[in-house]
């Protein structure tokens, strides 16, 4: 009954050192786990493409852009002292500067939305200058500048991402006067744009369209700490402290991603948009014909419920929730199998 008394057998089991086979098995498990982690980090690093190299030249290029802006402001002030330029006077139209990585020929929602923004504002008589990474060459005007220094976006290889404003945009920010500057996020050139606009008292509108923290966890989980740090430094901090307006699809998104810090900063919600030209009904006969084509494509009978999704099959779209719910419905497995077969065709 004495808790401090040990039988010889129990004492021997406590003092027994692990056998050689046990040590080897433990070493193998440890080395295998280490190799797996190193392999995962290496795959993540390779998936970043040119982004690590860009981080090495980001700050020197940003310093060159700031120097260009300072020189442009100095020359502008010299011209004003010599009375060769007048102070800026408001006109009936607006001078708008849009800085975005997302324009056609990209086909996602942000590119289509801004293509319509630019077209309608120009039709309304406003001067809209667009600095981007690429544009439809056949649609270029003298107000379009698809020449920002950019690399292939490692997370979406069909898009380019600017890593620096470039000398032309830096000169435009320093030498010209704008009624408003619109910076489209996500973008890593925010620290070179937003503080300059704040310094020159130019209203800057930052629109946030992507939940980057979710993307970081989905596509770069092994280095999520670095991704979140970069997102905070290049996106959150400049927008929270220096933007005139921060806008996002929901105010909850703004509350969690861009805390309200700048004095006088407005917060707005971006209404959801639909490219109605792509979902337009011209006549009742069109509905009947499209319904018949869908039934034939899916192998469905007349009157069957058909769920149509128009989106990318990506983790952030959460399509798997709908597919899992479909499996739980009556005849859900058969309907899903029919959909897969239609997709193969």
Protein backbone atom coordinates (compact mmCIF):
# COMPACT_ATOMS: atom_id res chain seq x y z
CA UNK A 1 0.00 0.00 0.00
CA UNK A 2 3.05 2.27 0.26
CA UNK A 3 3.00 4.51 -2.87
CA UNK A 4 6.78 4.92 -2.74
CA UNK A 5 7.55 1.21 -2.77
CA UNK A 6 8.30 -0.28 -6.20
CA UNK A 7 8.52 -3.90 -7.11
CA UNK A 8 11.77 -4.99 -8.72
CA UNK A 9 9.98 -5.79 -12.03
CA UNK A 10 8.44 -2.30 -12.23
CA UNK A 11 11.77 -0.69 -11.32
CA UNK A 12 13.52 -2.65 -14.09
CA UNK A 13 10.87 -1.59 -16.64
CA UNK A 14 11.39 2.06 -15.73
CA UNK A 15 15.16 1.88 -15.91
CA UNK A 16 15.24 -0.15 -19.14
CA UNK A 17 16.76 1.80 -22.04
CA UNK A 18 15.11 1.53 -25.50
CA UNK A 19 16.45 -1.17 -27.76
CA UNK A 20 18.42 -0.46 -30.92
CA UNK A 21 15.44 -1.31 -33.11
CA UNK A 22 13.26 1.14 -31.22
CA UNK A 23 15.86 3.88 -31.58
CA UNK A 24 16.18 3.20 -35.31
CA UNK A 25 12.40 3.27 -35.75
CA UNK A 26 12.21 6.60 -33.89
CA UNK A 27 15.05 8.05 -35.99
CA UNK A 28 13.37 6.90 -39.21
CA UNK A 29 10.05 8.45 -38.19
CA UNK A 30 11.76 11.73 -37.25
CA UNK A 31 13.79 11.93 -40.46
CA UNK A 32 10.72 11.06 -42.56
CA UNK A 33 8.70 13.81 -40.88
CA UNK A 34 11.56 16.28 -41.41
CA UNK A 35 11.89 15.33 -45.09
CA UNK A 36 8.14 15.74 -45.55
CA UNK A 37 8.17 19.21 -44.02
CA UNK A 38 11.20 20.30 -46.05
CA UNK A 39 9.61 18.94 -49.22
CA UNK A 40 6.39 20.82 -48.45
CA UNK A 41 8.29 24.08 -47.89
CA UNK A 42 10.26 23.58 -51.12
CA UNK A 43 7.09 22.97 -53.15
CA UNK A 44 5.53 26.09 -51.66
CA UNK A 45 8.65 28.14 -52.44
CA UNK A 46 8.70 26.92 -56.05
CA UNK A 47 5.02 27.68 -56.45
CA UNK A 48 5.72 31.35 -55.66
CA UNK A 49 7.46 31.73 -59.03
CA UNK A 50 9.29 35.05 -59.40
CA UNK A 51 7.76 36.53 -56.24
CA UNK A 52 10.80 35.87 -53.94
CA UNK A 53 13.10 37.59 -56.47
CA UNK A 54 10.73 40.55 -56.68
CA UNK A 55 10.90 40.99 -52.91
CA UNK A 56 14.66 41.57 -53.26
CA UNK A 57 14.24 44.43 -55.73
CA UNK A 58 10.94 45.78 -54.41
CA UNK A 59 12.37 48.38 -52.02
CA UNK A 60 15.13 49.69 -54.37
CA UNK A 61 12.54 50.10 -57.16
CA UNK A 62 10.11 51.73 -54.70
CA UNK A 63 12.87 54.15 -53.64
CA UNK A 64 13.41 55.06 -57.31
CA UNK A 65 9.67 55.70 -57.70
CA UNK A 66 9.61 57.95 -54.63
CA UNK A 67 12.63 59.85 -55.96
CA UNK A 68 10.81 60.38 -59.27
CA UNK A 69 7.74 61.69 -57.43
CA UNK A 70 9.85 64.12 -55.39
CA UNK A 71 11.62 65.41 -58.53
CA UNK A 72 8.26 65.86 -60.28
CA UNK A 73 6.90 67.81 -57.32
CA UNK A 74 10.04 69.98 -57.18
CA UNK A 75 9.77 70.85 -60.89
CA UNK A 76 6.05 71.51 -60.53
CA UNK A 77 6.72 73.97 -57.70
CA UNK A 78 9.50 75.65 -59.69
CA UNK A 79 7.12 76.13 -62.61
CA UNK A 80 4.53 77.58 -60.26
CA UNK A 81 7.05 80.07 -58.85
CA UNK A 82 7.91 81.19 -62.40
CA UNK A 83 4.20 81.59 -63.19
CA UNK A 84 4.42 79.09 -66.03
CA UNK A 85 1.66 76.98 -64.57
CA UNK A 86 -1.54 77.97 -62.85
CA UNK A 87 -3.03 76.40 -59.78
CA UNK A 88 -5.38 73.55 -60.47
CA UNK A 89 -8.94 74.60 -61.16
CA UNK A 90 -11.87 72.22 -61.11
CA UNK A 91 -13.53 71.50 -64.45
CA UNK A 92 -16.96 70.21 -65.30
CA UNK A 93 -15.49 66.76 -65.78
CA UNK A 94 -13.22 64.80 -63.44
CA UNK A 95 -9.64 63.68 -63.89
CA UNK A 96 -9.62 60.10 -62.58
CA UNK A 97 -6.59 57.85 -62.21
CA UNK A 98 -7.27 54.11 -61.97
CA UNK A 99 -4.44 51.76 -60.93
CA UNK A 100 -5.30 48.09 -61.27
CA UNK A 101 -3.79 44.69 -62.03
CA UNK A 102 -7.15 43.45 -63.29
CA UNK A 103 -8.36 44.41 -66.79
CA UNK A 104 -9.36 42.53 -69.95
CA UNK A 105 -8.21 40.24 -71.53
CA UNK A 106 -8.60 38.77 -68.04
CA UNK A 107 -12.10 37.32 -67.76
CA UNK A 108 -12.86 37.32 -64.03
CA UNK A 109 -15.36 39.54 -62.27
CA UNK A 110 -12.97 42.35 -61.27
CA UNK A 111 -11.67 42.78 -64.83
CA UNK A 112 -15.18 42.83 -66.33
CA UNK A 113 -16.43 45.25 -63.66
CA UNK A 114 -13.62 47.75 -64.25
CA UNK A 115 -13.94 47.50 -67.99
CA UNK A 116 -17.53 48.72 -67.58
CA UNK A 117 -16.50 51.38 -65.05
CA UNK A 118 -13.93 52.84 -67.42
CA UNK A 119 -16.24 52.73 -70.45
CA UNK A 120 -19.17 54.41 -68.71
CA UNK A 121 -17.07 57.12 -67.01
CA UNK A 122 -15.43 58.03 -70.31
CA UNK A 123 -18.81 58.13 -72.01
CA UNK A 124 -19.92 60.55 -69.28
CA UNK A 125 -17.12 62.92 -70.33
CA UNK A 126 -14.59 62.26 -67.57
CA UNK A 127 -10.87 61.91 -68.25
CA UNK A 128 -10.00 58.41 -67.04
CA UNK A 129 -6.33 57.43 -67.12
CA UNK A 130 -5.72 53.71 -66.54
CA UNK A 131 -2.39 52.25 -65.45
CA UNK A 132 -2.41 48.47 -65.61
CA UNK A 133 -0.29 45.40 -66.32
CA UNK A 134 -2.03 44.46 -69.58
CA UNK A 135 -4.99 45.49 -71.72
CA UNK A 136 -6.62 44.52 -74.99
CA UNK A 137 -4.20 45.95 -77.52
CA UNK A 138 -6.97 46.66 -80.05
CA UNK A 139 -8.80 48.78 -77.45
CA UNK A 140 -5.91 50.95 -76.30
CA UNK A 141 -6.36 54.71 -76.18
CA UNK A 142 -4.00 57.54 -75.28
CA UNK A 143 -5.40 57.29 -71.74
CA UNK A 144 -4.41 53.63 -71.29
CA UNK A 145 -0.97 52.70 -69.96
CA UNK A 146 -0.48 48.91 -69.70
CA UNK A 147 3.18 49.26 -68.78
CA UNK A 148 3.53 48.82 -65.03
CA UNK A 149 6.43 46.50 -64.11
CA UNK A 150 4.81 43.12 -63.53
CA UNK A 151 5.38 39.38 -63.14
CA UNK A 152 3.15 36.37 -63.65
CA UNK A 153 0.84 35.96 -60.68
CA UNK A 154 1.99 32.67 -59.08
CA UNK A 155 -1.50 32.00 -57.70
CA UNK A 156 -3.30 32.67 -61.02
CA UNK A 157 -0.93 32.24 -63.95
CA UNK A 158 -3.37 33.80 -66.43
CA UNK A 159 -2.96 37.16 -64.65
CA UNK A 160 -0.05 39.53 -64.11
CA UNK A 161 0.67 41.38 -60.88
CA UNK A 162 2.50 44.72 -60.67
CA UNK A 163 5.40 44.80 -58.23
CA UNK A 164 6.27 48.49 -58.71
CA UNK A 165 4.49 51.63 -60.01
CA UNK A 166 7.13 52.25 -62.64
CA UNK A 167 8.59 55.62 -63.66
CA UNK A 168 5.63 56.70 -65.80
CA UNK A 169 3.08 56.21 -63.06
CA UNK A 170 5.44 57.77 -60.49
CA UNK A 171 5.80 60.84 -62.73
CA UNK A 172 2.02 61.03 -63.21
CA UNK A 173 1.49 60.91 -59.44
CA UNK A 174 4.06 63.63 -58.81
CA UNK A 175 3.60 66.02 -61.74
CA UNK A 176 -0.13 65.92 -62.50
CA UNK A 177 -3.20 66.85 -60.54
CA UNK A 178 -6.03 64.34 -60.06
CA UNK A 179 -9.53 64.65 -58.69
CA UNK A 180 -9.44 61.07 -57.43
CA UNK A 181 -7.12 58.07 -57.53
CA UNK A 182 -8.68 54.60 -57.48
CA UNK A 183 -6.37 51.77 -56.36
CA UNK A 184 -7.73 48.26 -56.82
CA UNK A 185 -6.77 45.68 -54.22
CA UNK A 186 -5.23 43.16 -53.88
CA UNK A 187 -2.06 44.92 -54.96
CA UNK A 188 1.44 45.05 -53.51
CA UNK A 189 2.19 48.59 -54.73
CA UNK A 190 -0.08 50.26 -52.18
CA UNK A 191 2.83 51.64 -50.07
CA UNK A 192 4.08 53.54 -53.13
CA UNK A 193 0.64 54.95 -54.09
CA UNK A 194 -1.61 55.64 -51.09
CA UNK A 195 0.83 57.64 -48.89
CA UNK A 196 1.79 59.82 -51.87
CA UNK A 197 -1.86 60.65 -52.58
CA UNK A 198 -2.37 61.42 -48.90
CA UNK A 199 0.70 63.68 -48.90
CA UNK A 200 -0.56 65.57 -51.98
CA UNK A 201 -4.12 65.79 -50.57
CA UNK A 202 -5.51 63.78 -53.49
CA UNK A 203 -8.54 61.67 -52.52
CA UNK A 204 -7.67 57.99 -52.88
CA UNK A 205 -10.36 55.31 -53.15
CA UNK A 206 -9.22 51.78 -52.23
CA UNK A 207 -11.55 48.98 -53.29
CA UNK A 208 -10.94 45.54 -51.74
CA UNK A 209 -12.24 42.62 -53.80
CA UNK A 210 -10.51 39.47 -52.53
CA UNK A 211 -10.28 37.77 -49.12
CA UNK A 212 -6.52 37.31 -49.26
CA UNK A 213 -6.25 35.80 -45.79
CA UNK A 214 -8.44 32.90 -46.95
CA UNK A 215 -6.35 32.48 -50.12
CA UNK A 216 -3.13 32.44 -48.11
CA UNK A 217 -4.39 29.62 -45.91
CA UNK A 218 -5.64 27.65 -48.93
CA UNK A 219 -2.65 28.03 -51.27
CA UNK A 220 0.36 28.80 -49.02
CA UNK A 221 -0.48 27.31 -45.64
CA UNK A 222 3.09 26.27 -44.88
CA UNK A 223 4.28 29.90 -45.00
CA UNK A 224 1.00 31.53 -44.01
CA UNK A 225 2.80 33.68 -41.42
CA UNK A 226 4.86 35.28 -44.20
CA UNK A 227 1.83 35.73 -46.43
CA UNK A 228 -0.20 37.36 -43.66
CA UNK A 229 2.71 39.65 -42.77
CA UNK A 230 3.11 40.73 -46.41
CA UNK A 231 -0.65 41.26 -46.75
CA UNK A 232 -0.65 43.46 -43.65
CA UNK A 233 2.40 45.47 -44.79
CA UNK A 234 1.54 45.99 -48.47
CA UNK A 235 -2.28 46.11 -48.36
CA UNK A 236 -3.83 46.60 -44.95
CA UNK A 237 -1.50 49.20 -43.44
CA UNK A 238 -1.49 51.79 -46.28
CA UNK A 239 -5.24 51.49 -46.85
CA UNK A 240 -6.13 51.67 -43.16
CA UNK A 241 -3.95 54.70 -42.41
CA UNK A 242 -3.98 56.82 -45.57
CA UNK A 243 -7.00 56.00 -47.77
CA UNK A 244 -9.82 58.51 -48.15
CA UNK A 245 -12.34 55.74 -48.82
CA UNK A 246 -12.12 51.99 -48.21
CA UNK A 247 -14.75 49.89 -49.95
CA UNK A 248 -15.49 46.15 -50.02
CA UNK A 249 -18.41 43.83 -50.88
CA UNK A 250 -19.39 43.77 -47.18
CA UNK A 251 -18.73 46.05 -44.22
CA UNK A 252 -17.95 42.96 -42.12
CA UNK A 253 -15.01 42.32 -44.44
CA UNK A 254 -13.76 45.86 -43.85
CA UNK A 255 -14.13 45.53 -40.08
CA UNK A 256 -12.00 42.37 -40.04
CA UNK A 257 -9.41 43.23 -42.71
CA UNK A 258 -9.05 47.00 -42.75
CA UNK A 259 -9.63 48.45 -39.27
CA UNK A 260 -10.86 52.03 -39.19
CA UNK A 261 -7.72 54.03 -38.37
CA UNK A 262 -7.43 57.00 -40.75
CA UNK A 263 -9.14 60.13 -39.49
CA UNK A 264 -11.92 61.14 -41.88
CA UNK A 265 -11.71 57.88 -43.86
CA UNK A 266 -15.05 56.78 -45.29
CA UNK A 267 -16.19 53.17 -45.50
CA UNK A 268 -18.45 51.99 -48.30
CA UNK A 269 -19.94 48.76 -49.59
CA UNK A 270 -19.42 47.69 -53.21
CA UNK A 271 -22.75 46.40 -54.59
CA UNK A 272 -22.66 42.97 -56.17
CA UNK A 273 -22.53 43.10 -59.95
CA UNK A 274 -23.81 40.78 -62.65
CA UNK A 275 -22.75 40.89 -66.30
CA UNK A 276 -26.36 41.02 -67.46
CA UNK A 277 -25.34 40.88 -71.12
CA UNK A 278 -24.27 37.28 -70.49
CA UNK A 279 -27.53 36.33 -68.73
CA UNK A 280 -30.11 38.05 -70.87
CA UNK A 281 -33.47 36.67 -71.94
CA UNK A 282 -34.67 37.97 -75.31
CA UNK A 283 -37.83 35.93 -75.64
CA UNK A 284 -39.90 33.12 -74.12
CA UNK A 285 -38.78 30.82 -76.95
CA UNK A 286 -35.18 31.31 -75.81
CA UNK A 287 -36.02 29.97 -72.33
CA UNK A 288 -37.73 26.90 -73.78
CA UNK A 289 -34.82 26.17 -76.14
CA UNK A 290 -32.18 26.63 -73.42
CA UNK A 291 -34.12 24.42 -71.02
CA UNK A 292 -34.34 21.71 -73.66
CA UNK A 293 -30.61 21.93 -74.35
CA UNK A 294 -29.81 21.65 -70.63
CA UNK A 295 -32.03 18.60 -70.22
CA UNK A 296 -30.33 16.92 -73.15
CA UNK A 297 -26.86 17.83 -71.86
CA UNK A 298 -27.53 16.57 -68.32
CA UNK A 299 -29.64 13.59 -69.30
CA UNK A 300 -32.54 14.94 -67.24
CA UNK A 301 -36.21 14.39 -67.83
CA UNK A 302 -38.71 17.18 -68.42
CA UNK A 303 -39.56 18.90 -65.14
CA UNK A 304 -36.44 17.74 -63.27
CA UNK A 305 -34.71 20.32 -61.10
CA UNK A 306 -31.40 21.46 -62.62
CA UNK A 307 -28.79 23.32 -60.58
CA UNK A 308 -26.56 25.49 -62.79
CA UNK A 309 -23.31 26.95 -61.40
CA UNK A 310 -21.35 29.56 -63.36
CA UNK A 311 -18.02 29.84 -61.57
CA UNK A 312 -14.49 28.54 -61.28
CA UNK A 313 -13.99 25.22 -59.52
CA UNK A 314 -11.63 26.56 -56.85
CA UNK A 315 -11.48 26.01 -53.06
CA UNK A 316 -12.48 29.60 -52.27
CA UNK A 317 -15.76 29.21 -54.18
CA UNK A 318 -16.96 26.53 -51.71
CA UNK A 319 -18.69 24.53 -54.44
CA UNK A 320 -17.99 21.34 -52.49
CA UNK A 321 -20.63 22.33 -49.92
CA UNK A 322 -23.30 22.31 -52.60
CA UNK A 323 -22.09 19.00 -54.03
CA UNK A 324 -22.08 17.38 -50.60
CA UNK A 325 -25.61 18.65 -49.94
CA UNK A 326 -26.71 17.33 -53.32
CA UNK A 327 -25.45 13.87 -52.37
CA UNK A 328 -27.65 13.92 -49.28
CA UNK A 329 -30.82 14.64 -51.25
CA UNK A 330 -33.02 11.98 -52.77
CA UNK A 331 -31.43 10.67 -55.93
CA UNK A 332 -28.55 13.04 -55.30
CA UNK A 333 -25.88 10.51 -56.17
CA UNK A 334 -27.52 9.77 -59.53
CA UNK A 335 -27.85 13.47 -60.33
CA UNK A 336 -24.19 14.09 -59.45
CA UNK A 337 -23.08 11.16 -61.61
CA UNK A 338 -25.11 12.57 -64.51
CA UNK A 339 -23.54 15.98 -64.03
CA UNK A 340 -20.03 14.47 -64.06
CA UNK A 341 -20.82 12.56 -67.24
CA UNK A 342 -22.13 15.74 -68.86
CA UNK A 343 -18.96 17.55 -67.81
CA UNK A 344 -16.81 14.91 -69.51
CA UNK A 345 -18.76 15.37 -72.73
